[in-house]
Amino acid sequence: MRKLLSLTCLVLAAAVRAASNDSALDLKIATQFDAIVRMAAEPEIVNAVLAQNRALPPAFAAMTQEKWAALDNLDPFVFQFKSNAVGKVLQKLPHPLTSEAFVNDAAGYKVGFLEKTTNWRHRGKPKHDQPMAGAIWRGPVELDASSGTKQVQVAVPILSDGKPIGSLVVGLNIFELAKL
């Protein structure tokens, strides 16, 4: 497992370097890879994704992007993702360095998160599809609509028996990264 983790971190570092011209920022992002990969392997996350892949709750399947956008942060449907086992594990990520974090099942539906995301489902987006293909994804530096933070997102596969079963997306706060 440790060897796989080290290899994954090397691949992540290469992906970051390939996606950016800012080597100082790339190095600071790379320092976070180990924690992100370890988080994706947390038993609570893996088990919750496996369970949701086996049986998607009907309310999840019925949720649309339009309905999701209309819900506020205090809605019980939204709150369940922050307060479930996955949401609690994600709370272990360093704050304020982590501007957002969310876990998707194989179909791109939410399993848990730190705060409500802009999108309900991420299937069809590289941040989910590339990890589901076993690859690492890194987005550009951007202003995130859901967190209001200038960030860069990194997405890694959640693995079970070496196969991708979901994705973990972590937004890293650019201003906090600069302080490292």
C-alpha atoms as a PDB file:
ATOM      1  CA  MET A   1       0.000   0.000   0.000  1.00  0.00           C
ATOM      2  CA  ARG A   2       2.803   2.391   0.909  1.00  0.00           C
ATOM      3  CA  LYS A   3       4.539   1.670  -2.415  1.00  0.00           C
ATOM      4  CA  LEU A   4       1.305   2.385  -4.316  1.00  0.00           C
ATOM      5  CA  LEU A   5       0.856   5.616  -2.354  1.00  0.00           C
ATOM      6  CA  SER A   6       4.400   6.755  -3.191  1.00  0.00           C
ATOM      7  CA  LEU A   7       3.947   5.902  -6.862  1.00  0.00           C
ATOM      8  CA  THR A   8       0.623   7.747  -6.923  1.00  0.00           C
ATOM      9  CA  CYS A   9       2.242  10.842  -5.384  1.00  0.00           C
ATOM     10  CA  LEU A  10       4.967  10.794  -8.042  1.00  0.00           C
ATOM     11  CA  VAL A  11       2.319  10.581 -10.768  1.00  0.00           C
ATOM     12  CA  LEU A  12       0.403  13.445  -9.129  1.00  0.00           C
ATOM     13  CA  ALA A  13       3.520  15.590  -8.982  1.00  0.00           C
ATOM     14  CA  ALA A  14       4.170  14.970 -12.685  1.00  0.00           C
ATOM     15  CA  ALA A  15       0.560  15.842 -13.521  1.00  0.00           C
ATOM     16  CA  VAL A  16       0.820  19.111 -11.600  1.00  0.00           C
ATOM     17  CA  ARG A  17       4.056  20.094 -13.317  1.00  0.00           C
ATOM     18  CA  ALA A  18       2.531  19.339 -16.721  1.00  0.00           C
ATOM     19  CA  ALA A  19      -0.541  21.484 -15.978  1.00  0.00           C
ATOM     20  CA  SER A  20       1.186  24.636 -14.801  1.00  0.00           C
ATOM     21  CA  ASN A  21       3.972  27.051 -15.546  1.00  0.00           C
ATOM     22  CA  ASP A  22       4.311  28.169 -11.899  1.00  0.00           C
ATOM     23  CA  SER A  23       6.889  25.805 -10.384  1.00  0.00           C
ATOM     24  CA  ALA A  24       6.651  27.341  -6.895  1.00  0.00           C
ATOM     25  CA  LEU A  25       2.891  26.779  -6.840  1.00  0.00           C
ATOM     26  CA  ASP A  26       3.362  23.288  -8.311  1.00  0.00           C
ATOM     27  CA  LEU A  27       5.685  22.328  -5.461  1.00  0.00           C
ATOM     28  CA  LYS A  28       3.256  23.610  -2.855  1.00  0.00           C
ATOM     29  CA  ILE A  29       0.411  21.669  -4.423  1.00  0.00           C
ATOM     30  CA  ALA A  30       2.596  18.555  -4.592  1.00  0.00           C
ATOM     31  CA  THR A  31       3.190  18.770  -0.825  1.00  0.00           C
ATOM     32  CA  GLN A  32      -0.540  18.122  -0.344  1.00  0.00           C
ATOM     33  CA  PHE A  33      -0.752  14.987  -2.507  1.00  0.00           C
ATOM     34  CA  ASP A  34       0.136  12.496   0.186  1.00  0.00           C
ATOM     35  CA  ALA A  35      -2.683  13.711   2.456  1.00  0.00           C
ATOM     36  CA  ILE A  36      -5.220  13.732  -0.398  1.00  0.00           C
ATOM     37  CA  VAL A  37      -4.341  10.196  -1.531  1.00  0.00           C
ATOM     38  CA  ARG A  38      -4.447   8.951   2.085  1.00  0.00           C
ATOM     39  CA  MET A  39      -7.831  10.602   2.560  1.00  0.00           C
ATOM     40  CA  ALA A  40      -9.190   8.825  -0.545  1.00  0.00           C
ATOM     41  CA  ALA A  41      -8.137   5.509   1.044  1.00  0.00           C
ATOM     42  CA  GLU A  42      -9.862   6.133   4.404  1.00  0.00           C
ATOM     43  CA  PRO A  43     -12.062   3.093   5.154  1.00  0.00           C
ATOM     44  CA  GLU A  44     -15.110   5.284   5.899  1.00  0.00           C
ATOM     45  CA  ILE A  45     -14.840   6.880   2.457  1.00  0.00           C
ATOM     46  CA  VAL A  46     -14.192   3.643   0.569  1.00  0.00           C
ATOM     47  CA  ASN A  47     -17.000   1.804   2.373  1.00  0.00           C
ATOM     48  CA  ALA A  48     -19.513   4.630   1.868  1.00  0.00           C
ATOM     49  CA  VAL A  49     -18.728   4.840  -1.851  1.00  0.00           C
ATOM     50  CA  LEU A  50     -19.014   1.063  -2.235  1.00  0.00           C
ATOM     51  CA  ALA A  51     -22.366   1.096  -0.423  1.00  0.00           C
ATOM     52  CA  GLN A  52     -23.737   3.933  -2.544  1.00  0.00           C
ATOM     53  CA  ASN A  53     -22.496   2.271  -5.741  1.00  0.00           C
ATOM     54  CA  ARG A  54     -24.464  -0.846  -4.726  1.00  0.00           C
ATOM     55  CA  ALA A  55     -27.691   0.981  -3.849  1.00  0.00           C
ATOM     56  CA  LEU A  56     -28.250   4.626  -4.781  1.00  0.00           C
ATOM     57  CA  PRO A  57     -30.945   6.129  -2.543  1.00  0.00           C
ATOM     58  CA  PRO A  58     -34.053   7.013  -4.613  1.00  0.00           C
ATOM     59  CA  ALA A  59     -33.909  10.649  -3.448  1.00  0.00           C
ATOM     60  CA  PHE A  60     -30.374  10.924  -4.881  1.00  0.00           C
ATOM     61  CA  ALA A  61     -31.443   9.556  -8.271  1.00  0.00           C
ATOM     62  CA  ALA A  62     -34.417  11.962  -8.311  1.00  0.00           C
ATOM     63  CA  MET A  63     -32.273  15.037  -7.555  1.00  0.00           C
ATOM     64  CA  THR A  64     -31.652  17.308 -10.544  1.00  0.00           C
ATOM     65  CA  GLN A  65     -29.178  20.147 -10.975  1.00  0.00           C
ATOM     66  CA  GLU A  66     -32.056  22.643 -10.887  1.00  0.00           C
ATOM     67  CA  LYS A  67     -33.435  21.240  -7.619  1.00  0.00           C
ATOM     68  CA  TRP A  68     -29.915  21.103  -6.148  1.00  0.00           C
ATOM     69  CA  ALA A  69     -29.219  24.733  -7.018  1.00  0.00           C
ATOM     70  CA  ALA A  70     -32.442  25.797  -5.261  1.00  0.00           C
ATOM     71  CA  LEU A  71     -31.501  24.122  -1.952  1.00  0.00           C
ATOM     72  CA  ASP A  72     -29.777  26.168   0.749  1.00  0.00           C
ATOM     73  CA  ASN A  73     -26.963  24.930   2.982  1.00  0.00           C
ATOM     74  CA  LEU A  74     -29.319  24.231   5.887  1.00  0.00           C
ATOM     75  CA  ASP A  75     -31.707  22.026   3.933  1.00  0.00           C
ATOM     76  CA  PRO A  76     -31.754  18.519   5.496  1.00  0.00           C
ATOM     77  CA  PHE A  77     -30.984  16.937   2.120  1.00  0.00           C
ATOM     78  CA  VAL A  78     -27.807  19.050   1.842  1.00  0.00           C
ATOM     79  CA  PHE A  79     -26.880  18.784   5.515  1.00  0.00           C
ATOM     80  CA  GLN A  80     -26.788  14.982   5.425  1.00  0.00           C
ATOM     81  CA  PHE A  81     -23.677  15.112   3.207  1.00  0.00           C
ATOM     82  CA  LYS A  82     -21.822  17.339   5.659  1.00  0.00           C
ATOM     83  CA  SER A  83     -22.785  15.338   8.725  1.00  0.00           C
ATOM     84  CA  ASN A  84     -22.413  11.765   7.464  1.00  0.00           C
ATOM     85  CA  ALA A  85     -19.284   9.615   7.995  1.00  0.00           C
ATOM     86  CA  VAL A  86     -17.662  10.887   4.783  1.00  0.00           C
ATOM     87  CA  GLY A  87     -18.314  14.531   5.668  1.00  0.00           C
ATOM     88  CA  LYS A  88     -16.746  13.967   9.078  1.00  0.00           C
ATOM     89  CA  VAL A  89     -13.639  12.351   7.573  1.00  0.00           C
ATOM     90  CA  LEU A  90     -13.261  15.263   5.143  1.00  0.00           C
ATOM     91  CA  GLN A  91     -13.278  17.633   8.118  1.00  0.00           C
ATOM     92  CA  LYS A  92      -9.832  16.232   8.967  1.00  0.00           C
ATOM     93  CA  LEU A  93      -8.355  18.006   5.921  1.00  0.00           C
ATOM     94  CA  PRO A  94      -6.350  21.083   6.924  1.00  0.00           C
ATOM     95  CA  HIS A  95      -8.408  24.247   7.187  1.00  0.00           C
ATOM     96  CA  PRO A  96      -8.110  26.972   5.791  1.00  0.00           C
ATOM     97  CA  LEU A  97      -5.795  25.363   3.219  1.00  0.00           C
ATOM     98  CA  THR A  98      -8.695  23.212   2.000  1.00  0.00           C
ATOM     99  CA  SER A  99     -11.353  25.442   0.471  1.00  0.00           C
ATOM    100  CA  GLU A 100     -13.626  22.545  -0.480  1.00  0.00           C
ATOM    101  CA  ALA A 101     -13.684  18.764  -0.635  1.00  0.00           C
ATOM    102  CA  PHE A 102     -16.245  16.307  -1.898  1.00  0.00           C
ATOM    103  CA  VAL A 103     -16.584  12.625  -2.656  1.00  0.00           C
ATOM    104  CA  ASN A 104     -18.482  11.245  -5.654  1.00  0.00           C
ATOM    105  CA  ASP A 105     -19.649   7.688  -6.246  1.00  0.00           C
ATOM    106  CA  ALA A 106     -18.954   5.898  -9.551  1.00  0.00           C
ATOM    107  CA  ALA A 107     -21.886   7.647 -11.247  1.00  0.00           C
ATOM    108  CA  GLY A 108     -20.760  11.081 -10.055  1.00  0.00           C
ATOM    109  CA  TYR A 109     -23.408  11.540  -7.341  1.00  0.00           C
ATOM    110  CA  LYS A 110     -22.360  13.111  -4.056  1.00  0.00           C
ATOM    111  CA  VAL A 111     -21.465  10.837  -1.152  1.00  0.00           C
ATOM    112  CA  GLY A 112     -20.214  13.530   1.240  1.00  0.00           C
ATOM    113  CA  PHE A 113     -18.616  16.969   1.324  1.00  0.00           C
ATOM    114  CA  LEU A 114     -17.381  19.814   3.502  1.00  0.00           C
ATOM    115  CA  GLU A 115     -19.829  22.363   2.069  1.00  0.00           C
ATOM    116  CA  LYS A 116     -22.537  22.283  -0.585  1.00  0.00           C
ATOM    117  CA  THR A 117     -21.086  22.088  -4.062  1.00  0.00           C
ATOM    118  CA  THR A 118     -22.236  24.097  -7.064  1.00  0.00           C
ATOM    119  CA  ASN A 119     -23.021  20.933  -9.007  1.00  0.00           C
ATOM    120  CA  TRP A 120     -25.027  17.962  -7.782  1.00  0.00           C
ATOM    121  CA  ARG A 121     -23.403  15.441 -10.106  1.00  0.00           C
ATOM    122  CA  HIS A 122     -19.956  15.459 -11.671  1.00  0.00           C
ATOM    123  CA  ARG A 123     -20.211  12.633 -14.227  1.00  0.00           C
ATOM    124  CA  GLY A 124     -19.146  14.024 -17.589  1.00  0.00           C
ATOM    125  CA  LYS A 125     -16.663  16.428 -16.009  1.00  0.00           C
ATOM    126  CA  PRO A 126     -12.905  15.734 -16.109  1.00  0.00           C
ATOM    127  CA  LYS A 127     -12.611  16.140 -12.319  1.00  0.00           C
ATOM    128  CA  HIS A 128     -14.675  12.955 -11.970  1.00  0.00           C
ATOM    129  CA  ASP A 129     -14.160  11.116 -15.246  1.00  0.00           C
ATOM    130  CA  GLN A 130     -10.357  11.120 -15.173  1.00  0.00           C
ATOM    131  CA  PRO A 131     -10.129   9.635 -11.643  1.00  0.00           C
ATOM    132  CA  MET A 132     -12.745   7.066 -12.665  1.00  0.00           C
ATOM    133  CA  ALA A 133     -10.349   6.074 -15.471  1.00  0.00           C
ATOM    134  CA  GLY A 134      -7.575   5.709 -12.860  1.00  0.00           C
ATOM    135  CA  ALA A 135      -5.909   9.042 -13.645  1.00  0.00           C
ATOM    136  CA  ILE A 136      -5.218  12.119 -11.579  1.00  0.00           C
ATOM    137  CA  TRP A 137      -6.861  15.412 -12.498  1.00  0.00           C
ATOM    138  CA  ARG A 138      -5.775  18.938 -11.674  1.00  0.00           C
ATOM    139  CA  GLY A 139      -7.778  21.981 -12.646  1.00  0.00           C
ATOM    140  CA  PRO A 140      -6.633  25.526 -13.318  1.00  0.00           C
ATOM    141  CA  VAL A 141      -6.407  28.236 -10.700  1.00  0.00           C
ATOM    142  CA  GLU A 142      -9.917  29.686 -10.548  1.00  0.00           C
ATOM    143  CA  LEU A 143     -12.416  31.487  -8.373  1.00  0.00           C
ATOM    144  CA  ASP A 144     -14.694  28.739  -7.073  1.00  0.00           C
ATOM    145  CA  ALA A 145     -18.389  29.653  -7.099  1.00  0.00           C
ATOM    146  CA  SER A 146     -19.364  27.454  -4.146  1.00  0.00           C
ATOM    147  CA  SER A 147     -16.565  28.474  -1.749  1.00  0.00           C
ATOM    148  CA  GLY A 148     -15.845  31.985  -3.058  1.00  0.00           C
ATOM    149  CA  THR A 149     -12.138  31.118  -2.883  1.00  0.00           C
ATOM    150  CA  LYS A 150      -9.360  31.365  -5.438  1.00  0.00           C
ATOM    151  CA  GLN A 151      -8.300  27.756  -5.609  1.00  0.00           C
ATOM    152  CA  VAL A 152      -6.934  24.858  -7.582  1.00  0.00           C
ATOM    153  CA  GLN A 153      -8.783  21.551  -7.515  1.00  0.00           C
ATOM    154  CA  VAL A 154      -7.061  18.177  -7.431  1.00  0.00           C
ATOM    155  CA  ALA A 155      -9.038  14.975  -7.970  1.00  0.00           C
ATOM    156  CA  VAL A 156      -7.895  11.444  -7.213  1.00  0.00           C
ATOM    157  CA  PRO A 157      -9.537   8.074  -7.637  1.00  0.00           C
ATOM    158  CA  ILE A 158     -11.048   6.289  -4.675  1.00  0.00           C
ATOM    159  CA  LEU A 159      -9.891   2.710  -5.056  1.00  0.00           C
ATOM    160  CA  SER A 160     -11.193  -0.662  -3.962  1.00  0.00           C
ATOM    161  CA  ASP A 161      -9.123  -3.711  -4.869  1.00  0.00           C
ATOM    162  CA  GLY A 162      -7.023  -1.397  -7.062  1.00  0.00           C
ATOM    163  CA  LYS A 163     -10.003  -0.288  -9.179  1.00  0.00           C
ATOM    164  CA  PRO A 164     -11.579   3.198  -9.231  1.00  0.00           C
ATOM    165  CA  ILE A 165     -14.975   3.265  -7.522  1.00  0.00           C
ATOM    166  CA  GLY A 166     -15.384   7.024  -7.054  1.00  0.00           C
ATOM    167  CA  SER A 167     -13.515  10.302  -6.903  1.00  0.00           C
ATOM    168  CA  LEU A 168     -12.263  12.655  -4.220  1.00  0.00           C
ATOM    169  CA  VAL A 169     -11.984  16.305  -5.269  1.00  0.00           C
ATOM    170  CA  VAL A 170     -10.104  18.729  -3.025  1.00  0.00           C
ATOM    171  CA  GLY A 171      -9.912  22.479  -3.585  1.00  0.00           C
ATOM    172  CA  LEU A 172      -6.687  24.023  -2.311  1.00  0.00           C
ATOM    173  CA  ASN A 173      -6.837  27.700  -1.339  1.00  0.00           C
ATOM    174  CA  ILE A 174      -4.198  29.536  -3.410  1.00  0.00           C
ATOM    175  CA  PHE A 175      -3.664  32.275  -0.812  1.00  0.00           C
ATOM    176  CA  GLU A 176      -3.094  29.720   1.948  1.00  0.00           C
ATOM    177  CA  LEU A 177      -0.783  27.682  -0.292  1.00  0.00           C
ATOM    178  CA  ALA A 178       1.317  30.834  -0.804  1.00  0.00           C
ATOM    179  CA  LYS A 179       1.930  30.957   2.954  1.00  0.00           C
ATOM    180  CA  LEU A 180       3.561  27.501   2.999  1.00  0.00           C
END
